N, C-alpha and C. Protein backbone atom coordinates (compact mmCIF):
# COMPACT_ATOMS: atom_id res chain seq x y z
N MET A 1 0.84 -1.19 0.00
CA MET A 1 0.00 0.00 0.00
C MET A 1 0.88 1.25 0.00
N MET A 2 0.58 2.19 -0.87
CA MET A 2 1.36 3.42 -0.96
C MET A 2 0.93 4.40 0.12
N THR A 3 1.93 5.12 0.65
CA THR A 3 1.61 6.19 1.58
C THR A 3 1.49 7.49 0.80
N SER A 4 1.05 8.55 1.46
CA SER A 4 0.85 9.82 0.76
C SER A 4 2.15 10.44 0.29
N THR A 5 3.29 10.01 0.84
CA THR A 5 4.57 10.58 0.43
C THR A 5 5.23 9.78 -0.69
N GLU A 6 4.76 8.57 -0.97
CA GLU A 6 5.34 7.77 -2.03
C GLU A 6 4.83 8.24 -3.39
N VAL A 7 5.67 8.07 -4.38
CA VAL A 7 5.28 8.43 -5.74
C VAL A 7 5.35 7.19 -6.62
N ARG A 8 4.59 7.22 -7.68
CA ARG A 8 4.60 6.11 -8.63
C ARG A 8 5.43 6.51 -9.84
N LEU A 9 6.27 5.63 -10.28
CA LEU A 9 7.09 5.85 -11.46
C LEU A 9 6.22 6.25 -12.64
N ALA A 10 5.09 5.61 -12.80
CA ALA A 10 4.20 5.87 -13.93
C ALA A 10 3.65 7.29 -13.94
N ASP A 11 3.63 7.96 -12.79
CA ASP A 11 3.13 9.34 -12.74
C ASP A 11 4.09 10.33 -13.41
N TYR A 12 5.35 9.96 -13.58
CA TYR A 12 6.36 10.87 -14.11
C TYR A 12 7.07 10.36 -15.36
N LEU A 13 6.76 9.14 -15.77
CA LEU A 13 7.49 8.50 -16.85
C LEU A 13 6.54 8.19 -18.00
N ASP A 14 6.73 8.88 -19.13
CA ASP A 14 5.94 8.60 -20.32
C ASP A 14 6.55 7.43 -21.09
N GLU A 15 5.72 6.70 -21.77
CA GLU A 15 6.17 5.53 -22.53
C GLU A 15 7.28 5.87 -23.52
N ASP A 16 7.21 7.04 -24.14
CA ASP A 16 8.24 7.40 -25.12
C ASP A 16 9.55 7.85 -24.49
N CYS A 17 9.62 7.83 -23.17
CA CYS A 17 10.86 8.15 -22.46
C CYS A 17 11.50 6.90 -21.86
N ILE A 18 11.16 5.75 -22.44
CA ILE A 18 11.74 4.47 -22.03
C ILE A 18 12.56 3.94 -23.20
N LEU A 19 13.82 3.68 -22.95
CA LEU A 19 14.73 3.16 -23.97
C LEU A 19 15.20 1.77 -23.55
N CYS A 20 14.79 0.76 -24.27
CA CYS A 20 15.19 -0.61 -23.96
C CYS A 20 16.35 -1.02 -24.85
N GLY A 21 17.31 -1.71 -24.27
CA GLY A 21 18.43 -2.21 -25.04
C GLY A 21 19.40 -1.13 -25.50
N LEU A 22 19.66 -0.16 -24.63
CA LEU A 22 20.62 0.90 -24.94
C LEU A 22 21.95 0.27 -25.33
N GLU A 23 22.57 0.75 -26.40
CA GLU A 23 23.78 0.11 -26.91
C GLU A 23 25.07 0.84 -26.58
N THR A 24 25.00 2.02 -26.01
CA THR A 24 26.22 2.72 -25.65
C THR A 24 26.89 2.05 -24.45
N GLU A 25 28.20 2.16 -24.37
CA GLU A 25 28.92 1.60 -23.23
C GLU A 25 29.35 2.68 -22.24
N SER A 26 29.13 3.95 -22.60
CA SER A 26 29.62 5.02 -21.73
C SER A 26 28.49 5.67 -20.93
N ARG A 27 28.82 6.05 -19.72
CA ARG A 27 27.88 6.76 -18.85
C ARG A 27 27.40 8.03 -19.52
N ASP A 28 28.34 8.83 -20.03
CA ASP A 28 27.98 10.11 -20.63
C ASP A 28 27.07 9.94 -21.84
N GLY A 29 27.35 8.93 -22.67
CA GLY A 29 26.52 8.66 -23.83
C GLY A 29 25.11 8.24 -23.45
N ALA A 30 25.00 7.42 -22.42
CA ALA A 30 23.69 6.97 -21.95
C ALA A 30 22.88 8.15 -21.41
N ILE A 31 23.51 8.97 -20.60
CA ILE A 31 22.82 10.13 -20.03
C ILE A 31 22.40 11.09 -21.13
N ASP A 32 23.28 11.31 -22.11
CA ASP A 32 22.95 12.19 -23.23
C ASP A 32 21.70 11.69 -23.97
N GLN A 33 21.63 10.39 -24.23
CA GLN A 33 20.46 9.84 -24.93
C GLN A 33 19.18 10.05 -24.13
N LEU A 34 19.26 9.90 -22.81
CA LEU A 34 18.08 10.09 -21.96
C LEU A 34 17.67 11.56 -21.91
N VAL A 35 18.64 12.47 -21.82
CA VAL A 35 18.32 13.90 -21.82
C VAL A 35 17.68 14.28 -23.15
N LYS A 36 18.21 13.78 -24.25
CA LYS A 36 17.63 14.07 -25.57
C LYS A 36 16.19 13.59 -25.65
N ARG A 37 15.92 12.42 -25.11
CA ARG A 37 14.56 11.89 -25.14
C ARG A 37 13.62 12.78 -24.34
N LEU A 38 14.05 13.22 -23.15
CA LEU A 38 13.21 14.11 -22.34
C LEU A 38 13.05 15.48 -22.98
N ASN A 39 14.09 15.93 -23.68
CA ASN A 39 14.07 17.26 -24.27
C ASN A 39 13.08 17.37 -25.44
N LYS A 40 12.64 16.25 -25.97
CA LYS A 40 11.65 16.25 -27.05
C LYS A 40 10.26 16.62 -26.53
N LYS A 41 10.08 16.53 -25.22
CA LYS A 41 8.79 16.83 -24.62
C LYS A 41 8.79 18.26 -24.11
N PRO A 42 7.63 18.90 -24.06
CA PRO A 42 7.59 20.25 -23.47
C PRO A 42 7.93 20.17 -21.99
N GLY A 43 8.70 21.12 -21.51
CA GLY A 43 9.05 21.03 -20.09
C GLY A 43 9.90 22.16 -19.58
N GLY A 44 10.48 22.94 -20.47
CA GLY A 44 11.18 24.12 -20.02
C GLY A 44 12.63 23.93 -19.63
N PHE A 45 13.40 23.13 -20.38
CA PHE A 45 14.83 23.06 -20.10
C PHE A 45 15.61 22.92 -21.39
N GLU A 46 16.85 23.38 -21.34
CA GLU A 46 17.76 23.28 -22.47
C GLU A 46 18.57 21.99 -22.36
N HIS A 47 18.75 21.31 -23.47
CA HIS A 47 19.50 20.05 -23.48
C HIS A 47 20.88 20.20 -22.85
N ASP A 48 21.66 21.17 -23.33
CA ASP A 48 23.04 21.30 -22.85
C ASP A 48 23.10 21.62 -21.37
N GLU A 49 22.20 22.48 -20.90
CA GLU A 49 22.17 22.83 -19.48
C GLU A 49 21.87 21.59 -18.63
N ALA A 50 20.89 20.82 -19.05
CA ALA A 50 20.51 19.61 -18.31
C ALA A 50 21.64 18.58 -18.34
N LEU A 51 22.21 18.35 -19.51
CA LEU A 51 23.30 17.38 -19.63
C LEU A 51 24.47 17.78 -18.76
N ASP A 52 24.87 19.05 -18.82
CA ASP A 52 25.99 19.52 -18.00
C ASP A 52 25.71 19.35 -16.51
N ALA A 53 24.48 19.66 -16.08
CA ALA A 53 24.12 19.55 -14.66
C ALA A 53 24.17 18.10 -14.19
N VAL A 54 23.65 17.19 -14.99
CA VAL A 54 23.65 15.78 -14.61
C VAL A 54 25.07 15.22 -14.59
N LEU A 55 25.86 15.53 -15.61
CA LEU A 55 27.23 15.01 -15.66
C LEU A 55 28.09 15.59 -14.54
N GLU A 56 27.89 16.86 -14.21
CA GLU A 56 28.63 17.45 -13.09
C GLU A 56 28.27 16.74 -11.79
N ARG A 57 27.01 16.45 -11.60
CA ARG A 57 26.56 15.73 -10.40
C ARG A 57 27.19 14.34 -10.36
N GLU A 58 27.27 13.68 -11.49
CA GLU A 58 27.90 12.36 -11.56
C GLU A 58 29.39 12.42 -11.25
N ARG A 59 30.05 13.48 -11.71
CA ARG A 59 31.49 13.61 -11.42
C ARG A 59 31.73 13.81 -9.93
N GLN A 60 30.83 14.52 -9.27
CA GLN A 60 30.97 14.76 -7.83
C GLN A 60 30.77 13.47 -7.04
N SER A 61 29.77 12.73 -7.42
CA SER A 61 29.45 11.49 -6.70
C SER A 61 28.57 10.62 -7.59
N PRO A 62 29.11 9.51 -8.10
CA PRO A 62 28.32 8.64 -8.96
C PRO A 62 27.04 8.18 -8.26
N THR A 63 25.99 8.03 -9.03
CA THR A 63 24.67 7.73 -8.46
C THR A 63 24.29 6.26 -8.60
N VAL A 64 25.28 5.39 -8.59
CA VAL A 64 25.00 3.95 -8.61
C VAL A 64 24.53 3.58 -7.20
N LEU A 65 23.30 3.07 -7.11
CA LEU A 65 22.71 2.80 -5.80
C LEU A 65 22.72 1.34 -5.41
N ALA A 66 22.49 0.49 -6.34
CA ALA A 66 22.42 -0.94 -6.05
C ALA A 66 23.03 -1.66 -7.23
N GLU A 67 23.18 -2.94 -7.08
CA GLU A 67 23.77 -3.72 -8.16
C GLU A 67 22.99 -3.53 -9.45
N GLY A 68 23.62 -2.86 -10.41
CA GLY A 68 23.00 -2.68 -11.71
C GLY A 68 22.08 -1.50 -11.88
N LEU A 69 21.97 -0.62 -10.87
CA LEU A 69 21.03 0.51 -10.92
C LEU A 69 21.76 1.84 -10.71
N ALA A 70 21.43 2.82 -11.56
CA ALA A 70 21.93 4.18 -11.38
C ALA A 70 20.76 5.15 -11.49
N LEU A 71 20.78 6.18 -10.65
CA LEU A 71 19.75 7.23 -10.66
C LEU A 71 20.40 8.59 -10.86
N PRO A 72 20.95 8.86 -12.05
CA PRO A 72 21.51 10.19 -12.29
C PRO A 72 20.41 11.24 -12.20
N HIS A 73 20.75 12.39 -11.65
CA HIS A 73 19.71 13.39 -11.43
C HIS A 73 20.30 14.79 -11.36
N ALA A 74 19.41 15.77 -11.55
CA ALA A 74 19.78 17.18 -11.41
C ALA A 74 18.52 17.98 -11.16
N ARG A 75 18.71 19.12 -10.50
CA ARG A 75 17.63 20.08 -10.31
C ARG A 75 17.89 21.24 -11.25
N LEU A 76 16.86 21.63 -12.01
CA LEU A 76 17.03 22.65 -13.05
C LEU A 76 16.07 23.81 -12.84
N GLY A 77 16.57 25.00 -13.08
CA GLY A 77 15.71 26.18 -13.09
C GLY A 77 14.85 26.16 -14.34
N GLY A 78 13.63 26.64 -14.24
CA GLY A 78 12.75 26.72 -15.40
C GLY A 78 11.95 25.47 -15.69
N LEU A 79 12.28 24.37 -15.05
CA LEU A 79 11.54 23.14 -15.26
C LEU A 79 10.21 23.25 -14.53
N SER A 80 9.12 22.91 -15.20
CA SER A 80 7.79 23.10 -14.61
C SER A 80 7.36 21.95 -13.69
N ARG A 81 7.88 20.75 -13.95
CA ARG A 81 7.52 19.59 -13.12
C ARG A 81 8.61 18.53 -13.25
N PRO A 82 8.67 17.59 -12.32
CA PRO A 82 9.67 16.52 -12.45
C PRO A 82 9.41 15.68 -13.70
N VAL A 83 10.48 15.24 -14.32
CA VAL A 83 10.39 14.35 -15.47
C VAL A 83 11.42 13.23 -15.32
N LEU A 84 11.08 12.07 -15.85
CA LEU A 84 11.96 10.90 -15.76
C LEU A 84 12.12 10.27 -17.13
N ALA A 85 13.27 9.64 -17.31
CA ALA A 85 13.50 8.77 -18.47
C ALA A 85 14.20 7.52 -17.94
N LEU A 86 13.88 6.39 -18.55
CA LEU A 86 14.43 5.12 -18.09
C LEU A 86 15.08 4.41 -19.27
N ALA A 87 16.23 3.80 -19.01
CA ALA A 87 16.90 3.00 -20.04
C ALA A 87 17.40 1.70 -19.43
N THR A 88 17.40 0.67 -20.26
CA THR A 88 17.99 -0.60 -19.86
C THR A 88 19.12 -0.94 -20.82
N SER A 89 20.09 -1.68 -20.32
CA SER A 89 21.22 -2.11 -21.14
C SER A 89 21.53 -3.56 -20.79
N HIS A 90 21.46 -4.44 -21.76
CA HIS A 90 21.77 -5.85 -21.52
C HIS A 90 23.25 -6.03 -21.22
N ALA A 91 24.11 -5.35 -21.96
CA ALA A 91 25.55 -5.49 -21.77
C ALA A 91 26.05 -4.79 -20.52
N GLY A 92 25.38 -3.73 -20.11
CA GLY A 92 25.81 -2.96 -18.95
C GLY A 92 26.64 -1.76 -19.36
N ILE A 93 26.59 -0.73 -18.54
CA ILE A 93 27.28 0.53 -18.79
C ILE A 93 28.19 0.84 -17.62
N ASP A 94 29.42 1.23 -17.91
CA ASP A 94 30.37 1.62 -16.87
C ASP A 94 30.02 3.01 -16.38
N PHE A 95 29.56 3.12 -15.14
CA PHE A 95 29.19 4.41 -14.58
C PHE A 95 30.33 5.05 -13.80
N GLU A 96 31.53 4.50 -13.96
CA GLU A 96 32.74 5.07 -13.37
C GLU A 96 32.66 5.18 -11.86
N ALA A 97 31.94 4.26 -11.23
CA ALA A 97 31.86 4.20 -9.77
C ALA A 97 32.84 3.12 -9.31
N VAL A 98 33.75 3.48 -8.44
CA VAL A 98 34.79 2.57 -7.98
C VAL A 98 34.16 1.33 -7.35
N GLY A 99 34.59 0.18 -7.84
CA GLY A 99 34.15 -1.08 -7.27
C GLY A 99 32.75 -1.53 -7.66
N GLU A 100 32.08 -0.79 -8.50
CA GLU A 100 30.70 -1.15 -8.88
C GLU A 100 30.69 -1.94 -10.18
N GLU A 101 29.73 -2.83 -10.27
CA GLU A 101 29.50 -3.60 -11.48
C GLU A 101 28.85 -2.69 -12.53
N PRO A 102 28.81 -3.12 -13.78
CA PRO A 102 28.13 -2.33 -14.81
C PRO A 102 26.66 -2.09 -14.46
N VAL A 103 26.14 -0.98 -14.92
CA VAL A 103 24.76 -0.59 -14.67
C VAL A 103 23.88 -1.14 -15.80
N HIS A 104 22.75 -1.73 -15.43
CA HIS A 104 21.82 -2.27 -16.41
C HIS A 104 20.51 -1.50 -16.48
N VAL A 105 20.20 -0.73 -15.45
CA VAL A 105 18.99 0.10 -15.43
C VAL A 105 19.38 1.51 -14.99
N ILE A 106 19.00 2.49 -15.80
CA ILE A 106 19.27 3.90 -15.50
C ILE A 106 17.95 4.64 -15.48
N VAL A 107 17.72 5.39 -14.42
CA VAL A 107 16.55 6.27 -14.37
C VAL A 107 17.08 7.68 -14.20
N LEU A 108 16.91 8.50 -15.23
CA LEU A 108 17.32 9.90 -15.19
C LEU A 108 16.18 10.71 -14.58
N ILE A 109 16.52 11.52 -13.59
CA ILE A 109 15.52 12.32 -12.88
C ILE A 109 15.90 13.79 -13.00
N LEU A 110 15.00 14.59 -13.56
CA LEU A 110 15.16 16.04 -13.60
C LEU A 110 14.00 16.65 -12.83
N THR A 111 14.32 17.51 -11.86
CA THR A 111 13.28 18.15 -11.05
C THR A 111 13.48 19.65 -11.04
N PRO A 112 12.40 20.40 -10.77
CA PRO A 112 12.53 21.86 -10.68
C PRO A 112 13.44 22.26 -9.52
N LYS A 113 14.31 23.21 -9.79
CA LYS A 113 15.24 23.68 -8.76
C LYS A 113 14.49 24.27 -7.57
N ASP A 114 13.34 24.87 -7.82
CA ASP A 114 12.61 25.54 -6.74
C ASP A 114 11.64 24.62 -6.01
N ASP A 115 11.73 23.30 -6.24
CA ASP A 115 10.86 22.35 -5.54
C ASP A 115 11.69 21.20 -4.97
N PRO A 116 12.48 21.48 -3.93
CA PRO A 116 13.32 20.42 -3.36
C PRO A 116 12.51 19.26 -2.79
N GLY A 117 11.28 19.52 -2.37
CA GLY A 117 10.43 18.45 -1.84
C GLY A 117 10.14 17.38 -2.88
N ALA A 118 9.84 17.81 -4.10
CA ALA A 118 9.57 16.85 -5.19
C ALA A 118 10.80 16.00 -5.45
N TYR A 119 11.94 16.63 -5.46
CA TYR A 119 13.22 15.94 -5.68
C TYR A 119 13.43 14.87 -4.61
N LEU A 120 13.26 15.24 -3.36
CA LEU A 120 13.50 14.30 -2.26
C LEU A 120 12.49 13.15 -2.28
N ARG A 121 11.23 13.45 -2.55
CA ARG A 121 10.21 12.39 -2.60
C ARG A 121 10.49 11.41 -3.73
N LEU A 122 10.84 11.93 -4.90
CA LEU A 122 11.15 11.04 -6.03
C LEU A 122 12.36 10.17 -5.74
N MET A 123 13.42 10.77 -5.26
CA MET A 123 14.64 10.01 -4.97
C MET A 123 14.37 8.92 -3.93
N ALA A 124 13.67 9.28 -2.87
CA ALA A 124 13.39 8.30 -1.81
C ALA A 124 12.53 7.15 -2.33
N SER A 125 11.49 7.47 -3.04
CA SER A 125 10.57 6.44 -3.52
C SER A 125 11.24 5.54 -4.57
N LEU A 126 11.94 6.14 -5.51
CA LEU A 126 12.60 5.35 -6.55
C LEU A 126 13.72 4.50 -5.97
N SER A 127 14.48 5.06 -5.05
CA SER A 127 15.56 4.30 -4.42
C SER A 127 15.00 3.08 -3.71
N LYS A 128 13.91 3.27 -3.00
CA LYS A 128 13.29 2.17 -2.26
C LYS A 128 12.73 1.11 -3.21
N THR A 129 12.02 1.54 -4.22
CA THR A 129 11.37 0.61 -5.15
C THR A 129 12.38 -0.13 -6.02
N LEU A 130 13.31 0.60 -6.61
CA LEU A 130 14.21 0.00 -7.59
C LEU A 130 15.43 -0.67 -6.99
N ALA A 131 15.70 -0.44 -5.71
CA ALA A 131 16.86 -1.07 -5.08
C ALA A 131 16.61 -2.54 -4.77
N GLU A 132 15.38 -2.99 -4.90
CA GLU A 132 15.07 -4.40 -4.69
C GLU A 132 15.70 -5.21 -5.84
N PRO A 133 16.53 -6.20 -5.51
CA PRO A 133 17.24 -6.96 -6.57
C PRO A 133 16.32 -7.53 -7.64
N HIS A 134 15.15 -7.99 -7.28
CA HIS A 134 14.26 -8.59 -8.28
C HIS A 134 13.74 -7.55 -9.27
N MET A 135 13.68 -6.28 -8.88
CA MET A 135 13.19 -5.24 -9.79
C MET A 135 14.16 -5.03 -10.95
N ILE A 136 15.44 -5.00 -10.67
CA ILE A 136 16.43 -4.81 -11.73
C ILE A 136 16.35 -5.97 -12.71
N LYS A 137 16.26 -7.18 -12.20
CA LYS A 137 16.16 -8.36 -13.07
C LYS A 137 14.90 -8.30 -13.93
N ARG A 138 13.80 -7.86 -13.35
CA ARG A 138 12.54 -7.77 -14.11
C ARG A 138 12.62 -6.73 -15.22
N LEU A 139 13.33 -5.63 -14.96
CA LEU A 139 13.42 -4.56 -15.96
C LEU A 139 14.36 -4.90 -17.11
N THR A 140 15.37 -5.72 -16.84
CA THR A 140 16.32 -6.05 -17.90
C THR A 140 15.93 -7.36 -18.53
């Protein structure tokens, strides 16, 4: 049963923002493809600004959370609501996290800079839901 603070992935993820079988081997290439997919939708952000923000966040601290899962994210000015994109990779992607295995599921999260609550709720809910080992296997 969901609590009032939990969010559903389906509330923020459109079908056309799901990429199955991503073929890139690089973290930056995977994130770029996800940002491009989100940028096709109305939402109020520039591709380069979003890509730079996410990659800078990754350089500071990689967002690999569990075996095979990464949640790259950034907060952007001008964004009207949180948006998500999801990708899977059968081969796995090197997210440049020391000691981590390749990532097979990536969920890119962009949230409005002026709504830290939305950011925290999404991160908490997605981390809890997707960190379950069976979820990663089901998605790939």
